Amino acid sequence: MKKLTLIFTLLFISGLSHAQKVETDKEAKDAISKLEFIVGDWAGAGWVMGRDGQKNAFTQTEAIKFKLDGTAILIEGLGKNNGEITHNALAIVSYNKSAKNYNFSSFLSTGRGGVFKAELLDNKFYWYPNENMRYIIFLNEKKQWYETGEMKRGNDWFQFFEMTLDKQ
């Protein structure tokens, strides 16, 4: 009987913890809200430089939503060339309170991915897959999503990617 009472007591206490109101992390929500300019459904086109130095065109869609009461952003990207999928990715942007920057957690259909540093500088969102590569996202003068990808060689950055998307 004592064991049964203990089990019911533990279940009751456990149930109380689920019934309590969840407090949203205000610092994370404030930081993520600064990225509101990318939230929405987007479609357009771009190019990526191939190994042969030629620009390869593609079409792209991005579906971006606030999640977890505005403390994270979910990004779903799909790129195609002549109807064939060339890019299929999912990312989650969250705020890293200790580093005072963003985490860009990327997942590709190829199985590749990782957690990368990201930051907001002068209304441009930068994320860095490694120390010699960066992507920069901002709204251009037409309020289009404009994104470039650059690689560092020595002290210079060279563009290998460009994409312009319209909000749907």
C-alpha atoms as a PDB file:
ATOM      1  CA  MET A   1       0.000   0.000   0.000  1.00  0.00           C
ATOM      2  CA  LYS A   2       2.884   2.369   0.783  1.00  0.00           C
ATOM      3  CA  LYS A   3       4.373   1.744  -2.676  1.00  0.00           C
ATOM      4  CA  LEU A   4       1.037   2.475  -4.337  1.00  0.00           C
ATOM      5  CA  THR A   5       0.671   5.721  -2.355  1.00  0.00           C
ATOM      6  CA  LEU A   6       4.212   6.737  -3.309  1.00  0.00           C
ATOM      7  CA  ILE A   7       3.547   6.030  -6.993  1.00  0.00           C
ATOM      8  CA  PHE A   8       0.338   8.119  -6.972  1.00  0.00           C
ATOM      9  CA  THR A   9       2.117  10.940  -5.128  1.00  0.00           C
ATOM     10  CA  LEU A  10       4.937  10.991  -7.686  1.00  0.00           C
ATOM     11  CA  LEU A  11       2.489  10.931 -10.585  1.00  0.00           C
ATOM     12  CA  PHE A  12       0.523  13.801  -9.015  1.00  0.00           C
ATOM     13  CA  ILE A  13       3.673  15.919  -8.515  1.00  0.00           C
ATOM     14  CA  SER A  14       4.802  15.125 -12.049  1.00  0.00           C
ATOM     15  CA  GLY A  15       1.406  16.214 -13.373  1.00  0.00           C
ATOM     16  CA  LEU A  16       1.648  19.499 -11.494  1.00  0.00           C
ATOM     17  CA  SER A  17       4.914  20.362 -13.197  1.00  0.00           C
ATOM     18  CA  HIS A  18       3.220  19.976 -16.586  1.00  0.00           C
ATOM     19  CA  ALA A  19       0.305  22.160 -15.506  1.00  0.00           C
ATOM     20  CA  GLN A  20       2.495  25.147 -14.627  1.00  0.00           C
ATOM     21  CA  LYS A  21       2.719  28.045 -17.047  1.00  0.00           C
ATOM     22  CA  VAL A  22       5.812  28.036 -19.263  1.00  0.00           C
ATOM     23  CA  GLU A  23       7.679  31.335 -19.258  1.00  0.00           C
ATOM     24  CA  THR A  24       9.101  32.326 -22.646  1.00  0.00           C
ATOM     25  CA  ASP A  25      12.753  33.375 -22.671  1.00  0.00           C
ATOM     26  CA  LYS A  26      12.418  37.134 -23.238  1.00  0.00           C
ATOM     27  CA  GLU A  27      16.059  37.673 -24.235  1.00  0.00           C
ATOM     28  CA  ALA A  28      15.873  34.931 -26.881  1.00  0.00           C
ATOM     29  CA  LYS A  29      12.500  36.176 -28.165  1.00  0.00           C
ATOM     30  CA  ASP A  30      13.793  39.756 -28.458  1.00  0.00           C
ATOM     31  CA  ALA A  31      16.898  38.595 -30.348  1.00  0.00           C
ATOM     32  CA  ILE A  32      14.945  36.339 -32.726  1.00  0.00           C
ATOM     33  CA  SER A  33      12.368  39.082 -33.377  1.00  0.00           C
ATOM     34  CA  LYS A  34      15.142  41.113 -35.046  1.00  0.00           C
ATOM     35  CA  LEU A  35      15.117  38.501 -37.827  1.00  0.00           C
ATOM     36  CA  GLU A  36      11.433  39.076 -38.617  1.00  0.00           C
ATOM     37  CA  PHE A  37      12.427  40.502 -42.016  1.00  0.00           C
ATOM     38  CA  ILE A  38      13.112  36.963 -43.334  1.00  0.00           C
ATOM     39  CA  VAL A  39       9.899  35.375 -42.012  1.00  0.00           C
ATOM     40  CA  GLY A  40       7.410  34.421 -44.716  1.00  0.00           C
ATOM     41  CA  ASP A  41       7.175  32.401 -47.896  1.00  0.00           C
ATOM     42  CA  TRP A  42       9.687  33.328 -50.598  1.00  0.00           C
ATOM     43  CA  ALA A  43      10.334  32.250 -54.200  1.00  0.00           C
ATOM     44  CA  GLY A  44      12.816  33.248 -56.853  1.00  0.00           C
ATOM     45  CA  ALA A  45      16.036  32.276 -58.552  1.00  0.00           C
ATOM     46  CA  GLY A  46      19.770  32.400 -58.264  1.00  0.00           C
ATOM     47  CA  TRP A  47      23.065  30.923 -59.351  1.00  0.00           C
ATOM     48  CA  VAL A  48      25.897  28.972 -57.829  1.00  0.00           C
ATOM     49  CA  MET A  49      29.409  28.727 -59.230  1.00  0.00           C
ATOM     50  CA  GLY A  50      30.323  25.222 -60.336  1.00  0.00           C
ATOM     51  CA  ARG A  51      33.760  23.658 -59.998  1.00  0.00           C
ATOM     52  CA  ASP A  52      34.285  24.495 -63.667  1.00  0.00           C
ATOM     53  CA  GLY A  53      33.826  28.221 -62.936  1.00  0.00           C
ATOM     54  CA  GLN A  54      30.448  28.360 -64.697  1.00  0.00           C
ATOM     55  CA  LYS A  55      27.342  29.805 -63.083  1.00  0.00           C
ATOM     56  CA  ASN A  56      24.588  27.206 -62.661  1.00  0.00           C
ATOM     57  CA  ALA A  57      21.070  28.656 -62.413  1.00  0.00           C
ATOM     58  CA  PHE A  58      18.396  27.382 -60.035  1.00  0.00           C
ATOM     59  CA  THR A  59      14.947  28.254 -58.703  1.00  0.00           C
ATOM     60  CA  GLN A  60      14.430  28.418 -54.961  1.00  0.00           C
ATOM     61  CA  THR A  61      11.666  28.537 -52.383  1.00  0.00           C
ATOM     62  CA  GLU A  62      12.088  29.336 -48.693  1.00  0.00           C
ATOM     63  CA  ALA A  63       9.364  28.848 -46.077  1.00  0.00           C
ATOM     64  CA  ILE A  64      10.271  30.622 -42.842  1.00  0.00           C
ATOM     65  CA  LYS A  65       8.243  30.632 -39.638  1.00  0.00           C
ATOM     66  CA  PHE A  66       8.613  31.692 -36.031  1.00  0.00           C
ATOM     67  CA  LYS A  67       8.460  28.702 -33.679  1.00  0.00           C
ATOM     68  CA  LEU A  68       8.508  28.085 -29.904  1.00  0.00           C
ATOM     69  CA  ASP A  69       6.654  31.303 -29.073  1.00  0.00           C
ATOM     70  CA  GLY A  70       9.045  33.365 -31.204  1.00  0.00           C
ATOM     71  CA  THR A  71      12.281  32.053 -29.663  1.00  0.00           C
ATOM     72  CA  ALA A  72      13.340  30.174 -32.808  1.00  0.00           C
ATOM     73  CA  ILE A  73      12.917  30.356 -36.576  1.00  0.00           C
ATOM     74  CA  LEU A  74      12.343  27.338 -38.797  1.00  0.00           C
ATOM     75  CA  ILE A  75      13.644  27.605 -42.386  1.00  0.00           C
ATOM     76  CA  GLU A  76      12.776  25.131 -45.132  1.00  0.00           C
ATOM     77  CA  GLY A  77      14.583  25.630 -48.431  1.00  0.00           C
ATOM     78  CA  LEU A  78      14.120  23.811 -51.721  1.00  0.00           C
ATOM     79  CA  GLY A  79      16.193  24.482 -54.829  1.00  0.00           C
ATOM     80  CA  LYS A  80      15.661  23.040 -58.305  1.00  0.00           C
ATOM     81  CA  ASN A  81      17.406  23.087 -61.667  1.00  0.00           C
ATOM     82  CA  ASN A  82      15.329  21.933 -64.670  1.00  0.00           C
ATOM     83  CA  GLY A  83      12.842  20.288 -62.303  1.00  0.00           C
ATOM     84  CA  GLU A  84      15.515  18.291 -60.467  1.00  0.00           C
ATOM     85  CA  ILE A  85      16.043  18.956 -56.749  1.00  0.00           C
ATOM     86  CA  THR A  86      19.509  20.411 -56.210  1.00  0.00           C
ATOM     87  CA  HIS A  87      19.102  21.712 -52.663  1.00  0.00           C
ATOM     88  CA  ASN A  88      16.850  20.390 -49.911  1.00  0.00           C
ATOM     89  CA  ALA A  89      17.516  21.860 -46.479  1.00  0.00           C
ATOM     90  CA  LEU A  90      16.048  22.593 -43.096  1.00  0.00           C
ATOM     91  CA  ALA A  91      17.507  25.040 -40.597  1.00  0.00           C
ATOM     92  CA  ILE A  92      16.668  26.265 -37.133  1.00  0.00           C
ATOM     93  CA  VAL A  93      17.881  29.652 -35.974  1.00  0.00           C
ATOM     94  CA  SER A  94      18.067  30.123 -32.218  1.00  0.00           C
ATOM     95  CA  TYR A  95      19.741  32.628 -29.923  1.00  0.00           C
ATOM     96  CA  ASN A  96      22.952  31.713 -28.119  1.00  0.00           C
ATOM     97  CA  LYS A  97      22.719  33.731 -24.896  1.00  0.00           C
ATOM     98  CA  SER A  98      26.226  32.966 -23.659  1.00  0.00           C
ATOM     99  CA  ALA A  99      27.933  33.976 -26.937  1.00  0.00           C
ATOM    100  CA  LYS A 100      25.425  36.796 -27.659  1.00  0.00           C
ATOM    101  CA  ASN A 101      24.942  35.626 -31.237  1.00  0.00           C
ATOM    102  CA  TYR A 102      22.766  33.168 -33.130  1.00  0.00           C
ATOM    103  CA  ASN A 103      23.087  29.447 -33.768  1.00  0.00           C
ATOM    104  CA  PHE A 104      22.254  28.334 -37.299  1.00  0.00           C
ATOM    105  CA  SER A 105      21.505  24.603 -37.128  1.00  0.00           C
ATOM    106  CA  SER A 106      21.461  23.235 -40.662  1.00  0.00           C
ATOM    107  CA  PHE A 107      20.227  19.872 -41.901  1.00  0.00           C
ATOM    108  CA  LEU A 108      20.560  18.699 -45.520  1.00  0.00           C
ATOM    109  CA  SER A 109      18.798  15.789 -47.211  1.00  0.00           C
ATOM    110  CA  THR A 110      22.285  14.443 -48.009  1.00  0.00           C
ATOM    111  CA  GLY A 111      22.847  13.823 -44.298  1.00  0.00           C
ATOM    112  CA  ARG A 112      25.256  16.714 -43.913  1.00  0.00           C
ATOM    113  CA  GLY A 113      24.683  19.573 -41.524  1.00  0.00           C
ATOM    114  CA  GLY A 114      25.866  21.158 -38.330  1.00  0.00           C
ATOM    115  CA  VAL A 115      25.509  24.029 -35.913  1.00  0.00           C
ATOM    116  CA  PHE A 116      27.117  27.219 -37.121  1.00  0.00           C
ATOM    117  CA  LYS A 117      27.702  30.704 -35.746  1.00  0.00           C
ATOM    118  CA  ALA A 118      25.451  33.448 -37.103  1.00  0.00           C
ATOM    119  CA  GLU A 119      25.082  37.141 -36.370  1.00  0.00           C
ATOM    120  CA  LEU A 120      23.051  40.197 -37.323  1.00  0.00           C
ATOM    121  CA  LEU A 121      25.235  43.104 -38.470  1.00  0.00           C
ATOM    122  CA  ASP A 122      23.804  46.304 -39.985  1.00  0.00           C
ATOM    123  CA  ASN A 123      20.453  44.623 -40.751  1.00  0.00           C
ATOM    124  CA  LYS A 124      22.206  41.770 -42.565  1.00  0.00           C
ATOM    125  CA  PHE A 125      22.081  38.199 -41.303  1.00  0.00           C
ATOM    126  CA  TYR A 126      25.421  36.391 -41.634  1.00  0.00           C
ATOM    127  CA  TRP A 127      25.991  32.705 -41.049  1.00  0.00           C
ATOM    128  CA  TYR A 128      29.302  30.919 -41.289  1.00  0.00           C
ATOM    129  CA  PRO A 129      29.532  27.230 -42.296  1.00  0.00           C
ATOM    130  CA  ASN A 130      33.260  27.585 -41.575  1.00  0.00           C
ATOM    131  CA  GLU A 131      35.822  30.330 -41.039  1.00  0.00           C
ATOM    132  CA  ASN A 132      36.433  30.695 -44.788  1.00  0.00           C
ATOM    133  CA  MET A 133      32.809  30.761 -45.936  1.00  0.00           C
ATOM    134  CA  ARG A 134      29.875  33.021 -45.204  1.00  0.00           C
ATOM    135  CA  TYR A 135      26.331  33.604 -46.381  1.00  0.00           C
ATOM    136  CA  ILE A 136      24.758  37.059 -46.102  1.00  0.00           C
ATOM    137  CA  ILE A 137      20.980  37.596 -46.187  1.00  0.00           C
ATOM    138  CA  PHE A 138      19.238  40.973 -46.283  1.00  0.00           C
ATOM    139  CA  LEU A 139      16.340  42.774 -47.931  1.00  0.00           C
ATOM    140  CA  ASN A 140      17.382  44.824 -50.950  1.00  0.00           C
ATOM    141  CA  GLU A 141      15.852  48.164 -51.968  1.00  0.00           C
ATOM    142  CA  LYS A 142      12.892  46.306 -53.574  1.00  0.00           C
ATOM    143  CA  LYS A 143      12.260  44.423 -50.280  1.00  0.00           C
ATOM    144  CA  GLN A 144      13.419  41.189 -51.901  1.00  0.00           C
ATOM    145  CA  TRP A 145      15.404  38.538 -50.066  1.00  0.00           C
ATOM    146  CA  TYR A 146      18.920  38.957 -51.400  1.00  0.00           C
ATOM    147  CA  GLU A 147      21.543  36.415 -50.403  1.00  0.00           C
ATOM    148  CA  THR A 148      25.158  35.945 -51.366  1.00  0.00           C
ATOM    149  CA  GLY A 149      27.655  33.245 -50.544  1.00  0.00           C
ATOM    150  CA  GLU A 150      31.350  34.045 -50.339  1.00  0.00           C
ATOM    151  CA  MET A 151      34.579  32.120 -49.834  1.00  0.00           C
ATOM    152  CA  LYS A 152      37.733  33.611 -48.380  1.00  0.00           C
ATOM    153  CA  ARG A 153      41.039  33.211 -50.200  1.00  0.00           C
ATOM    154  CA  GLY A 154      43.845  34.936 -48.367  1.00  0.00           C
ATOM    155  CA  ASN A 155      42.380  38.225 -47.160  1.00  0.00           C
ATOM    156  CA  ASP A 156      39.815  38.546 -49.956  1.00  0.00           C
ATOM    157  CA  TRP A 157      36.244  37.275 -50.217  1.00  0.00           C
ATOM    158  CA  PHE A 158      35.004  35.862 -53.551  1.00  0.00           C
ATOM    159  CA  GLN A 159      31.336  35.401 -54.388  1.00  0.00           C
ATOM    160  CA  PHE A 160      30.238  31.906 -55.447  1.00  0.00           C
ATOM    161  CA  PHE A 161      26.466  32.173 -54.853  1.00  0.00           C
ATOM    162  CA  GLU A 162      23.643  34.675 -55.348  1.00  0.00           C
ATOM    163  CA  MET A 163      19.896  34.414 -54.851  1.00  0.00           C
ATOM    164  CA  THR A 164      17.023  36.901 -55.090  1.00  0.00           C
ATOM    165  CA  LEU A 165      13.572  35.919 -53.793  1.00  0.00           C
ATOM    166  CA  ASP A 166      10.200  37.671 -53.742  1.00  0.00           C
ATOM    167  CA  LYS A 167       7.841  37.417 -50.807  1.00  0.00           C
ATOM    168  CA  GLN A 168       4.762  35.401 -51.787  1.00  0.00           C
END
